[in-house]
Amino acid sequence: VCFNYTLGSPASRTCRLGMFLTNAHVFHSVLFTSYYTICHRDVKAARVLERSREMWGFCNVKCLLLLVYLHRDNLLNVHGARHPGKPLAGLRLLDVGCGGGLLSEPLGRLGAHVLGIDPVSDSIHTAQLHASYDPDLCDSVSYRACTLEELSAEEEEEEEGSGHFDAIVASEVVEHLADLETFAFCCSHMLKPGGSLFVTTINKTNLSYALGIVVAEQLLRIVPSGTHDWEKFISPVELERLLESNGFSVQSVQGMLYNPASGAWSWTNSTAINYALHAVKLRDDPRRDPAEEDRGAAAHSSAPRD
């Protein structure tokens, strides 16, 4: 897949930014990210993967569209805004592990203001170059070479309070992280109350090991060997438990299935391999015990006053 757009200009320049399908092998990930919590081996693998493929020629467009529609439809259900032609207008989105901007750009075209972050600077340079060919993206999509932890820490230092984004997208990210607790905490910190978190990742099953590692890496060599570590895969149940302990309520979990014969992705009831999860940050922190608050208030009221 690659993206081709033709932009009218005096020089009649054609920019290769729009979509067409090829028969090449397809890698299901949208170029993963890393944080301080990611292993150095995964960062190295990301750079190898980037050099070995054109990032914008290395994504199945049908999978991309599934993810875009997932974000759009769920955000409309949660936030309820309606803007003809720009259904996500007015929303601020954070694309964690944006890679070359494969999700950032289409979400920006739907009207959202998108910030894409990735610790691999080469990925950010590619994303910036790609977006520069489309003037419509100048005001809606921006990129930074940083980690989620760094961005979260900056928000703390600026003392502007947490919760600047209406939604966070983390596509093919969590299976590369060494500290999922920190990831969940930072996502909660960066989201507004009621904001949405979208995660796509790989389940930890025997089938995901067989197809995601043995077949994809060792047999078909779709991605470099060592890209994935099965021990870091996480089941939907474990991910849901982790998110709920950090102030989220999981709204939906949906399986994703790739058909190598047709080259198409589709939704499925099975989450045995790939799945997408949508969670919403609760407006009240569930970790705060109301009984403790009542006791604290009572103690304060009974304290002697000067």
C-alpha atoms as a PDB file:
ATOM      1  CA  VAL A   1       0.000   0.000   0.000  1.00  0.00           C
ATOM      2  CA  CYS A   2       1.136   3.520  -0.555  1.00  0.00           C
ATOM      3  CA  PHE A   3      -0.592   6.841  -0.508  1.00  0.00           C
ATOM      4  CA  ASN A   4      -1.011   9.099  -3.569  1.00  0.00           C
ATOM      5  CA  TYR A   5      -2.521  12.559  -3.691  1.00  0.00           C
ATOM      6  CA  THR A   6      -2.427  14.939  -6.631  1.00  0.00           C
ATOM      7  CA  LEU A   7      -2.246  18.561  -5.615  1.00  0.00           C
ATOM      8  CA  GLY A   8      -3.009  21.313  -8.076  1.00  0.00           C
ATOM      9  CA  SER A   9      -0.204  23.854  -8.425  1.00  0.00           C
ATOM     10  CA  PRO A  10       1.342  26.064 -11.093  1.00  0.00           C
ATOM     11  CA  ALA A  11       4.028  23.477 -11.571  1.00  0.00           C
ATOM     12  CA  SER A  12       1.354  20.753 -11.682  1.00  0.00           C
ATOM     13  CA  ARG A  13       3.360  18.765  -9.183  1.00  0.00           C
ATOM     14  CA  THR A  14       2.070  15.318  -8.323  1.00  0.00           C
ATOM     15  CA  CYS A  15       2.814  14.266  -4.759  1.00  0.00           C
ATOM     16  CA  ARG A  16       2.766  10.581  -4.055  1.00  0.00           C
ATOM     17  CA  LEU A  17       0.591  10.645  -0.969  1.00  0.00           C
ATOM     18  CA  GLY A  18      -2.619   8.797  -1.919  1.00  0.00           C
ATOM     19  CA  MET A  19      -3.685   5.186  -1.589  1.00  0.00           C
ATOM     20  CA  PHE A  20      -3.255   2.191  -3.824  1.00  0.00           C
ATOM     21  CA  LEU A  21      -3.061  -1.492  -3.058  1.00  0.00           C
ATOM     22  CA  THR A  22      -0.222  -3.824  -3.893  1.00  0.00           C
ATOM     23  CA  ASN A  23       0.249  -7.563  -3.578  1.00  0.00           C
ATOM     24  CA  ALA A  24       3.190  -7.178  -1.237  1.00  0.00           C
ATOM     25  CA  HIS A  25       3.247  -8.905   2.116  1.00  0.00           C
ATOM     26  CA  VAL A  26       1.469  -6.882   4.766  1.00  0.00           C
ATOM     27  CA  PHE A  27       2.630  -6.122   8.261  1.00  0.00           C
ATOM     28  CA  HIS A  28      -0.288  -5.547  10.618  1.00  0.00           C
ATOM     29  CA  SER A  29       1.437  -2.939  12.764  1.00  0.00           C
ATOM     30  CA  VAL A  30       1.363   0.809  12.228  1.00  0.00           C
ATOM     31  CA  LEU A  31       5.068   1.188  13.073  1.00  0.00           C
ATOM     32  CA  PHE A  32       5.364   0.824  16.784  1.00  0.00           C
ATOM     33  CA  THR A  33       6.524   3.343  19.322  1.00  0.00           C
ATOM     34  CA  SER A  34       8.694   3.218  22.395  1.00  0.00           C
ATOM     35  CA  TYR A  35       9.057   5.028  25.689  1.00  0.00           C
ATOM     36  CA  TYR A  36      11.486   5.058  28.559  1.00  0.00           C
ATOM     37  CA  THR A  37       9.638   1.847  29.403  1.00  0.00           C
ATOM     38  CA  ILE A  38      10.513   0.144  26.119  1.00  0.00           C
ATOM     39  CA  CYS A  39      13.464  -2.182  25.713  1.00  0.00           C
ATOM     40  CA  HIS A  40      16.418  -0.900  23.666  1.00  0.00           C
ATOM     41  CA  ARG A  41      16.102  -3.995  21.466  1.00  0.00           C
ATOM     42  CA  ASP A  42      12.671  -2.817  20.329  1.00  0.00           C
ATOM     43  CA  VAL A  43      13.953   0.679  19.497  1.00  0.00           C
ATOM     44  CA  LYS A  44      16.687  -0.874  17.382  1.00  0.00           C
ATOM     45  CA  ALA A  45      14.150  -3.099  15.657  1.00  0.00           C
ATOM     46  CA  ALA A  46      12.010  -0.048  14.861  1.00  0.00           C
ATOM     47  CA  ARG A  47      14.935   1.638  13.136  1.00  0.00           C
ATOM     48  CA  VAL A  48      15.783  -1.516  11.187  1.00  0.00           C
ATOM     49  CA  LEU A  49      12.173  -1.852  10.117  1.00  0.00           C
ATOM     50  CA  GLU A  50      12.033   1.774   9.041  1.00  0.00           C
ATOM     51  CA  ARG A  51      15.169   1.498   6.936  1.00  0.00           C
ATOM     52  CA  SER A  52      14.055  -1.750   5.315  1.00  0.00           C
ATOM     53  CA  ARG A  53      10.650  -0.456   4.134  1.00  0.00           C
ATOM     54  CA  GLU A  54       9.103   2.786   2.993  1.00  0.00           C
ATOM     55  CA  MET A  55       6.891   3.567   5.939  1.00  0.00           C
ATOM     56  CA  TRP A  56       4.105   4.852   3.760  1.00  0.00           C
ATOM     57  CA  GLY A  57       4.337   1.741   1.591  1.00  0.00           C
ATOM     58  CA  PHE A  58       4.125  -0.658   4.469  1.00  0.00           C
ATOM     59  CA  CYS A  59       0.583  -0.602   5.756  1.00  0.00           C
ATOM     60  CA  ASN A  60      -2.565  -2.396   4.644  1.00  0.00           C
ATOM     61  CA  VAL A  61      -4.988   0.395   3.796  1.00  0.00           C
ATOM     62  CA  LYS A  62      -8.007  -1.709   4.783  1.00  0.00           C
ATOM     63  CA  CYS A  63      -6.577  -2.194   8.248  1.00  0.00           C
ATOM     64  CA  LEU A  64      -5.876   1.535   8.419  1.00  0.00           C
ATOM     65  CA  LEU A  65      -9.450   2.362   7.451  1.00  0.00           C
ATOM     66  CA  LEU A  66     -10.817  -0.036  10.072  1.00  0.00           C
ATOM     67  CA  LEU A  67      -8.854   1.801  12.740  1.00  0.00           C
ATOM     68  CA  VAL A  68      -9.859   5.242  11.485  1.00  0.00           C
ATOM     69  CA  TYR A  69     -13.535   4.275  11.482  1.00  0.00           C
ATOM     70  CA  LEU A  70     -13.163   2.742  14.945  1.00  0.00           C
ATOM     71  CA  HIS A  71     -11.800   6.010  16.330  1.00  0.00           C
ATOM     72  CA  ARG A  72     -14.313   8.156  14.467  1.00  0.00           C
ATOM     73  CA  ASP A  73     -17.428   6.168  15.355  1.00  0.00           C
ATOM     74  CA  ASN A  74     -16.546   5.707  19.021  1.00  0.00           C
ATOM     75  CA  LEU A  75     -15.536   9.346  19.425  1.00  0.00           C
ATOM     76  CA  LEU A  76     -18.832  10.461  17.906  1.00  0.00           C
ATOM     77  CA  ASN A  77     -20.708   8.174  20.292  1.00  0.00           C
ATOM     78  CA  VAL A  78     -18.817   9.504  23.299  1.00  0.00           C
ATOM     79  CA  HIS A  79     -18.587  13.207  22.456  1.00  0.00           C
ATOM     80  CA  GLY A  80     -21.715  13.542  20.340  1.00  0.00           C
ATOM     81  CA  ALA A  81     -20.440  16.384  18.156  1.00  0.00           C
ATOM     82  CA  ARG A  82     -21.602  16.569  14.549  1.00  0.00           C
ATOM     83  CA  HIS A  83     -19.663  18.567  11.953  1.00  0.00           C
ATOM     84  CA  PRO A  84     -20.553  17.680   8.350  1.00  0.00           C
ATOM     85  CA  GLY A  85     -17.410  16.785   6.424  1.00  0.00           C
ATOM     86  CA  LYS A  86     -15.250  17.130   9.548  1.00  0.00           C
ATOM     87  CA  PRO A  87     -16.813  14.777  12.115  1.00  0.00           C
ATOM     88  CA  LEU A  88     -13.894  15.113  14.553  1.00  0.00           C
ATOM     89  CA  ALA A  89     -13.664  18.924  14.399  1.00  0.00           C
ATOM     90  CA  GLY A  90     -12.850  20.485  17.742  1.00  0.00           C
ATOM     91  CA  LEU A  91     -11.272  17.357  19.227  1.00  0.00           C
ATOM     92  CA  ARG A  92      -7.599  17.104  20.279  1.00  0.00           C
ATOM     93  CA  LEU A  93      -6.027  13.698  19.647  1.00  0.00           C
ATOM     94  CA  LEU A  94      -2.664  12.283  20.692  1.00  0.00           C
ATOM     95  CA  ASP A  95      -1.226   9.573  18.417  1.00  0.00           C
ATOM     96  CA  VAL A  96       1.323   7.683  20.536  1.00  0.00           C
ATOM     97  CA  GLY A  97       3.912   5.867  18.442  1.00  0.00           C
ATOM     98  CA  CYS A  98       2.763   7.634  15.298  1.00  0.00           C
ATOM     99  CA  GLY A  99       5.585   6.325  13.105  1.00  0.00           C
ATOM    100  CA  GLY A 100       5.255   7.953   9.697  1.00  0.00           C
ATOM    101  CA  GLY A 101       1.827   9.419  10.455  1.00  0.00           C
ATOM    102  CA  LEU A 102      -0.281   6.600   9.032  1.00  0.00           C
ATOM    103  CA  LEU A 103      -3.115   7.257  11.467  1.00  0.00           C
ATOM    104  CA  SER A 104      -2.364  10.885  12.315  1.00  0.00           C
ATOM    105  CA  GLU A 105      -3.051  12.164   8.803  1.00  0.00           C
ATOM    106  CA  PRO A 106      -6.469  10.565   8.158  1.00  0.00           C
ATOM    107  CA  LEU A 107      -7.622  11.536  11.657  1.00  0.00           C
ATOM    108  CA  GLY A 108      -6.501  15.088  10.907  1.00  0.00           C
ATOM    109  CA  ARG A 109      -8.478  15.053   7.684  1.00  0.00           C
ATOM    110  CA  LEU A 110     -11.561  14.132   9.704  1.00  0.00           C
ATOM    111  CA  GLY A 111     -11.186  17.474  11.463  1.00  0.00           C
ATOM    112  CA  ALA A 112      -9.249  16.585  14.632  1.00  0.00           C
ATOM    113  CA  HIS A 113      -6.185  18.475  15.857  1.00  0.00           C
ATOM    114  CA  VAL A 114      -3.625  15.675  16.097  1.00  0.00           C
ATOM    115  CA  LEU A 115      -0.258  15.563  17.815  1.00  0.00           C
ATOM    116  CA  GLY A 116       1.808  12.550  16.767  1.00  0.00           C
ATOM    117  CA  ILE A 117       4.718  11.518  18.988  1.00  0.00           C
ATOM    118  CA  ASP A 118       7.392   8.891  18.477  1.00  0.00           C
ATOM    119  CA  PRO A 119      10.833   8.446  20.058  1.00  0.00           C
ATOM    120  CA  VAL A 120      12.401   7.467  16.716  1.00  0.00           C
ATOM    121  CA  SER A 121      13.407  10.791  15.160  1.00  0.00           C
ATOM    122  CA  ASP A 122      13.680   9.328  11.652  1.00  0.00           C
ATOM    123  CA  SER A 123      10.002   8.363  11.853  1.00  0.00           C
ATOM    124  CA  ILE A 124       9.053  11.897  12.850  1.00  0.00           C
ATOM    125  CA  HIS A 125      11.083  13.368   9.982  1.00  0.00           C
ATOM    126  CA  THR A 126       9.271  11.070   7.557  1.00  0.00           C
ATOM    127  CA  ALA A 127       5.883  12.019   9.004  1.00  0.00           C
ATOM    128  CA  GLN A 128       6.670  15.746   8.797  1.00  0.00           C
ATOM    129  CA  LEU A 129       7.885  15.462   5.226  1.00  0.00           C
ATOM    130  CA  HIS A 130       4.831  13.472   4.195  1.00  0.00           C
ATOM    131  CA  ALA A 131       2.400  15.914   5.789  1.00  0.00           C
ATOM    132  CA  SER A 132       4.164  18.898   4.211  1.00  0.00           C
ATOM    133  CA  TYR A 133       2.850  17.880   0.778  1.00  0.00           C
ATOM    134  CA  ASP A 134      -0.736  18.500   1.897  1.00  0.00           C
ATOM    135  CA  PRO A 135      -1.440  22.138   2.885  1.00  0.00           C
ATOM    136  CA  ASP A 136      -4.717  21.097   4.536  1.00  0.00           C
ATOM    137  CA  LEU A 137      -2.751  19.303   7.255  1.00  0.00           C
ATOM    138  CA  CYS A 138      -0.571  22.240   8.272  1.00  0.00           C
ATOM    139  CA  ASP A 139      -2.962  23.473  10.948  1.00  0.00           C
ATOM    140  CA  SER A 140      -4.388  20.132  12.035  1.00  0.00           C
ATOM    141  CA  VAL A 141      -1.451  17.702  12.354  1.00  0.00           C
ATOM    142  CA  SER A 142       1.873  18.200  14.124  1.00  0.00           C
ATOM    143  CA  TYR A 143       4.651  15.871  15.248  1.00  0.00           C
ATOM    144  CA  ARG A 144       7.244  15.671  18.012  1.00  0.00           C
ATOM    145  CA  ALA A 145      10.139  13.304  18.608  1.00  0.00           C
ATOM    146  CA  CYS A 146       9.511  12.463  22.262  1.00  0.00           C
ATOM    147  CA  THR A 147       8.098   9.811  24.553  1.00  0.00           C
ATOM    148  CA  LEU A 148       4.763   9.724  26.311  1.00  0.00           C
ATOM    149  CA  GLU A 149       6.543  10.037  29.659  1.00  0.00           C
ATOM    150  CA  GLU A 150       8.387  13.153  28.498  1.00  0.00           C
ATOM    151  CA  LEU A 151       5.187  14.766  27.275  1.00  0.00           C
ATOM    152  CA  SER A 152       3.398  13.902  30.510  1.00  0.00           C
ATOM    153  CA  ALA A 153       6.280  15.303  32.586  1.00  0.00           C
ATOM    154  CA  GLU A 154       6.188  18.558  30.603  1.00  0.00           C
ATOM    155  CA  GLU A 155       2.517  18.960  31.445  1.00  0.00           C
ATOM    156  CA  GLU A 156       3.382  18.578  35.137  1.00  0.00           C
ATOM    157  CA  GLU A 157       6.185  21.156  34.949  1.00  0.00           C
ATOM    158  CA  GLU A 158       3.976  23.681  33.196  1.00  0.00           C
ATOM    159  CA  GLU A 159       1.476  23.296  36.045  1.00  0.00           C
ATOM    160  CA  GLU A 160      -1.411  23.646  33.663  1.00  0.00           C
ATOM    161  CA  GLY A 161      -3.121  20.578  35.035  1.00  0.00           C
ATOM    162  CA  SER A 162      -3.630  17.258  33.375  1.00  0.00           C
ATOM    163  CA  GLY A 163      -6.036  16.315  30.647  1.00  0.00           C
ATOM    164  CA  HIS A 164      -5.311  18.177  27.433  1.00  0.00           C
ATOM    165  CA  PHE A 165      -6.538  15.555  24.952  1.00  0.00           C
ATOM    166  CA  ASP A 166      -9.971  14.258  24.051  1.00  0.00           C
ATOM    167  CA  ALA A 167      -8.530  10.958  22.847  1.00  0.00           C
ATOM    168  CA  ILE A 168      -5.292   8.978  22.713  1.00  0.00           C
ATOM    169  CA  VAL A 169      -4.463   6.443  20.016  1.00  0.00           C
ATOM    170  CA  ALA A 170      -1.857   3.755  20.743  1.00  0.00           C
ATOM    171  CA  SER A 171      -1.740   1.398  17.766  1.00  0.00           C
ATOM    172  CA  GLU A 172       0.645  -1.577  18.002  1.00  0.00           C
ATOM    173  CA  VAL A 173       2.425  -0.050  20.995  1.00  0.00           C
ATOM    174  CA  VAL A 174       1.784  -1.936  24.204  1.00  0.00           C
ATOM    175  CA  GLU A 175       3.340  -5.206  22.991  1.00  0.00           C
ATOM    176  CA  HIS A 176       6.711  -3.448  22.956  1.00  0.00           C
ATOM    177  CA  LEU A 177       6.584  -1.893  26.418  1.00  0.00           C
ATOM    178  CA  ALA A 178       8.382  -3.081  29.517  1.00  0.00           C
ATOM    179  CA  ASP A 179       6.245  -1.025  31.934  1.00  0.00           C
ATOM    180  CA  LEU A 180       2.564  -1.042  31.068  1.00  0.00           C
ATOM    181  CA  GLU A 181       1.625   0.486  34.418  1.00  0.00           C
ATOM    182  CA  THR A 182       3.518   3.680  33.554  1.00  0.00           C
ATOM    183  CA  PHE A 183       1.937   3.719  30.103  1.00  0.00           C
ATOM    184  CA  ALA A 184      -1.580   3.487  31.560  1.00  0.00           C
ATOM    185  CA  PHE A 185      -0.836   6.162  34.163  1.00  0.00           C
ATOM    186  CA  CYS A 186       0.540   8.596  31.576  1.00  0.00           C
ATOM    187  CA  CYS A 187      -2.439   8.025  29.273  1.00  0.00           C
ATOM    188  CA  SER A 188      -4.801   8.782  32.138  1.00  0.00           C
ATOM    189  CA  HIS A 189      -2.810  11.904  33.000  1.00  0.00           C
ATOM    190  CA  MET A 190      -2.893  13.242  29.432  1.00  0.00           C
ATOM    191  CA  LEU A 191      -6.611  12.619  28.857  1.00  0.00           C
ATOM    192  CA  LYS A 192      -9.467  14.867  29.819  1.00  0.00           C
ATOM    193  CA  PRO A 193     -12.096  13.270  32.078  1.00  0.00           C
ATOM    194  CA  GLY A 194     -14.407  11.353  29.764  1.00  0.00           C
ATOM    195  CA  GLY A 195     -11.680  11.136  27.108  1.00  0.00           C
ATOM    196  CA  SER A 196     -11.131   8.011  25.021  1.00  0.00           C
ATOM    197  CA  LEU A 197      -8.155   5.666  24.779  1.00  0.00           C
ATOM    198  CA  PHE A 198      -7.850   3.447  21.702  1.00  0.00           C
ATOM    199  CA  VAL A 199      -5.408   0.535  21.782  1.00  0.00           C
ATOM    200  CA  THR A 200      -4.649  -2.073  19.150  1.00  0.00           C
ATOM    201  CA  THR A 201      -2.289  -4.885  20.049  1.00  0.00           C
ATOM    202  CA  ILE A 202      -1.651  -8.637  19.957  1.00  0.00           C
ATOM    203  CA  ASN A 203      -3.160 -11.161  22.332  1.00  0.00           C
ATOM    204  CA  LYS A 204      -0.908 -13.528  24.269  1.00  0.00           C
ATOM    205  CA  THR A 205      -1.981 -16.888  22.861  1.00  0.00           C
ATOM    206  CA  ASN A 206      -0.340 -19.867  21.211  1.00  0.00           C
ATOM    207  CA  LEU A 207      -1.944 -18.812  17.925  1.00  0.00           C
ATOM    208  CA  SER A 208      -0.494 -15.295  18.120  1.00  0.00           C
ATOM    209  CA  TYR A 209       2.951 -16.784  18.734  1.00  0.00           C
ATOM    210  CA  ALA A 210       2.609 -19.126  15.759  1.00  0.00           C
ATOM    211  CA  LEU A 211       1.385 -16.447  13.332  1.00  0.00           C
ATOM    212  CA  GLY A 212       2.918 -13.271  14.714  1.00  0.00           C
ATOM    213  CA  ILE A 213       6.405 -14.599  15.348  1.00  0.00           C
ATOM    214  CA  VAL A 214       6.993 -17.957  13.666  1.00  0.00           C
ATOM    215  CA  VAL A 215       5.174 -17.167  10.417  1.00  0.00           C
ATOM    216  CA  ALA A 216       5.585 -13.369  10.135  1.00  0.00           C
ATOM    217  CA  GLU A 217       9.195 -13.150  11.337  1.00  0.00           C
ATOM    218  CA  GLN A 218      10.818 -16.516  10.747  1.00  0.00           C
ATOM    219  CA  LEU A 219       9.056 -17.990   7.722  1.00  0.00           C
ATOM    220  CA  LEU A 220       7.653 -15.142   5.608  1.00  0.00           C
ATOM    221  CA  ARG A 221      10.092 -12.565   7.001  1.00  0.00           C
ATOM    222  CA  ILE A 222       7.459  -9.857   6.752  1.00  0.00           C
ATOM    223  CA  VAL A 223       9.246  -8.080   9.600  1.00  0.00           C
ATOM    224  CA  PRO A 224      12.797  -8.468  10.937  1.00  0.00           C
ATOM    225  CA  SER A 225      13.387 -11.380  13.251  1.00  0.00           C
ATOM    226  CA  GLY A 226      13.144 -10.297  16.880  1.00  0.00           C
ATOM    227  CA  THR A 227      10.630  -7.516  16.277  1.00  0.00           C
ATOM    228  CA  HIS A 228       8.188  -9.044  18.738  1.00  0.00           C
ATOM    229  CA  ASP A 229       8.630 -10.638  22.139  1.00  0.00           C
ATOM    230  CA  TRP A 230       5.744 -12.980  22.923  1.00  0.00           C
ATOM    231  CA  GLU A 231       6.275 -12.472  26.649  1.00  0.00           C
ATOM    232  CA  LYS A 232       5.228  -8.835  26.221  1.00  0.00           C
ATOM    233  CA  PHE A 233       1.961  -9.671  24.478  1.00  0.00           C
ATOM    234  CA  ILE A 234      -1.058  -9.023  26.669  1.00  0.00           C
ATOM    235  CA  SER A 235      -4.543 -10.515  26.758  1.00  0.00           C
ATOM    236  CA  PRO A 236      -7.659  -8.313  26.626  1.00  0.00           C
ATOM    237  CA  VAL A 237      -8.552  -9.369  30.173  1.00  0.00           C
ATOM    238  CA  GLU A 238      -5.154  -8.335  31.540  1.00  0.00           C
ATOM    239  CA  LEU A 239      -5.185  -5.049  29.625  1.00  0.00           C
ATOM    240  CA  GLU A 240      -8.702  -4.271  30.824  1.00  0.00           C
ATOM    241  CA  ARG A 241      -7.687  -4.947  34.433  1.00  0.00           C
ATOM    242  CA  LEU A 242      -4.647  -2.695  34.068  1.00  0.00           C
ATOM    243  CA  LEU A 243      -6.631   0.182  32.575  1.00  0.00           C
ATOM    244  CA  GLU A 244      -9.433  -0.044  35.114  1.00  0.00           C
ATOM    245  CA  SER A 245      -6.893   0.181  37.938  1.00  0.00           C
ATOM    246  CA  ASN A 246      -5.743   3.480  36.399  1.00  0.00           C
ATOM    247  CA  GLY A 247      -9.101   5.156  36.158  1.00  0.00           C
ATOM    248  CA  PHE A 248     -10.502   3.817  32.872  1.00  0.00           C
ATOM    249  CA  SER A 249     -13.707   2.037  31.966  1.00  0.00           C
ATOM    250  CA  VAL A 250     -13.363  -0.351  29.011  1.00  0.00           C
ATOM    251  CA  GLN A 251     -16.205   0.180  26.548  1.00  0.00           C
ATOM    252  CA  SER A 252     -15.480  -2.421  23.895  1.00  0.00           C
ATOM    253  CA  VAL A 253     -13.001  -5.058  22.743  1.00  0.00           C
ATOM    254  CA  GLN A 254     -13.081  -6.182  19.108  1.00  0.00           C
ATOM    255  CA  GLY A 255     -11.009  -8.808  17.327  1.00  0.00           C
ATOM    256  CA  MET A 256      -9.212  -8.056  14.062  1.00  0.00           C
ATOM    257  CA  LEU A 257      -8.426 -10.694  11.453  1.00  0.00           C
ATOM    258  CA  TYR A 258      -6.147 -10.571   8.420  1.00  0.00           C
ATOM    259  CA  ASN A 259      -6.949 -12.735   5.392  1.00  0.00           C
ATOM    260  CA  PRO A 260      -3.714 -13.390   3.468  1.00  0.00           C
ATOM    261  CA  ALA A 261      -5.668 -14.697   0.475  1.00  0.00           C
ATOM    262  CA  SER A 262      -7.589 -11.460  -0.093  1.00  0.00           C
ATOM    263  CA  GLY A 263      -5.126  -9.139   1.614  1.00  0.00           C
ATOM    264  CA  ALA A 264      -7.969  -7.666   3.675  1.00  0.00           C
ATOM    265  CA  TRP A 265      -8.537  -7.004   7.366  1.00  0.00           C
ATOM    266  CA  SER A 266     -11.936  -7.369   8.993  1.00  0.00           C
ATOM    267  CA  TRP A 267     -13.563  -7.225  12.397  1.00  0.00           C
ATOM    268  CA  THR A 268     -14.138 -10.563  14.077  1.00  0.00           C
ATOM    269  CA  ASN A 269     -15.516 -11.849  17.370  1.00  0.00           C
ATOM    270  CA  SER A 270     -12.264 -13.693  18.005  1.00  0.00           C
ATOM    271  CA  THR A 271      -9.514 -11.832  19.847  1.00  0.00           C
ATOM    272  CA  ALA A 272      -7.085 -14.758  19.630  1.00  0.00           C
ATOM    273  CA  ILE A 273      -4.562 -12.778  17.561  1.00  0.00           C
ATOM    274  CA  ASN A 274      -5.119  -9.036  17.041  1.00  0.00           C
ATOM    275  CA  TYR A 275      -7.655  -6.926  18.849  1.00  0.00           C
ATOM    276  CA  ALA A 276      -8.741  -3.323  19.341  1.00  0.00           C
ATOM    277  CA  LEU A 277      -9.841  -1.888  22.685  1.00  0.00           C
ATOM    278  CA  HIS A 278     -11.708   1.322  23.484  1.00  0.00           C
ATOM    279  CA  ALA A 279     -11.637   2.688  27.028  1.00  0.00           C
ATOM    280  CA  VAL A 280     -12.901   5.935  28.551  1.00  0.00           C
ATOM    281  CA  LYS A 281     -11.278   7.846  31.401  1.00  0.00           C
ATOM    282  CA  LEU A 282     -13.709   8.048  34.294  1.00  0.00           C
ATOM    283  CA  ARG A 283     -14.726  11.492  35.447  1.00  0.00           C
ATOM    284  CA  ASP A 284     -14.224  10.491  39.084  1.00  0.00           C
ATOM    285  CA  ASP A 285     -11.047   8.710  40.204  1.00  0.00           C
ATOM    286  CA  PRO A 286     -12.172   5.198  41.258  1.00  0.00           C
ATOM    287  CA  ARG A 287      -8.994   4.774  43.296  1.00  0.00           C
ATOM    288  CA  ARG A 288     -10.170   7.457  45.728  1.00  0.00           C
ATOM    289  CA  ASP A 289     -12.062   5.863  48.599  1.00  0.00           C
ATOM    290  CA  PRO A 290     -15.203   7.903  49.466  1.00  0.00           C
ATOM    291  CA  ALA A 291     -15.086   6.557  53.033  1.00  0.00           C
ATOM    292  CA  GLU A 292     -11.575   7.930  53.462  1.00  0.00           C
ATOM    293  CA  GLU A 293     -12.696  11.290  52.100  1.00  0.00           C
ATOM    294  CA  ASP A 294     -15.586  11.380  54.583  1.00  0.00           C
ATOM    295  CA  ARG A 295     -13.277  10.498  57.447  1.00  0.00           C
ATOM    296  CA  GLY A 296     -10.828  13.170  56.327  1.00  0.00           C
ATOM    297  CA  ALA A 297     -13.568  15.779  56.120  1.00  0.00           C
ATOM    298  CA  ALA A 298     -14.857  14.822  59.600  1.00  0.00           C
ATOM    299  CA  ALA A 299     -11.364  15.048  61.085  1.00  0.00           C
ATOM    300  CA  HIS A 300     -10.864  18.448  59.493  1.00  0.00           C
ATOM    301  CA  SER A 301     -14.163  19.793  60.850  1.00  0.00           C
ATOM    302  CA  SER A 302     -13.420  18.552  64.366  1.00  0.00           C
ATOM    303  CA  ALA A 303      -9.861  19.926  64.445  1.00  0.00           C
ATOM    304  CA  PRO A 304      -9.291  22.806  66.924  1.00  0.00           C
ATOM    305  CA  ARG A 305      -9.248  26.254  65.335  1.00  0.00           C
ATOM    306  CA  ASP A 306      -7.080  29.180  66.347  1.00  0.00           C
END
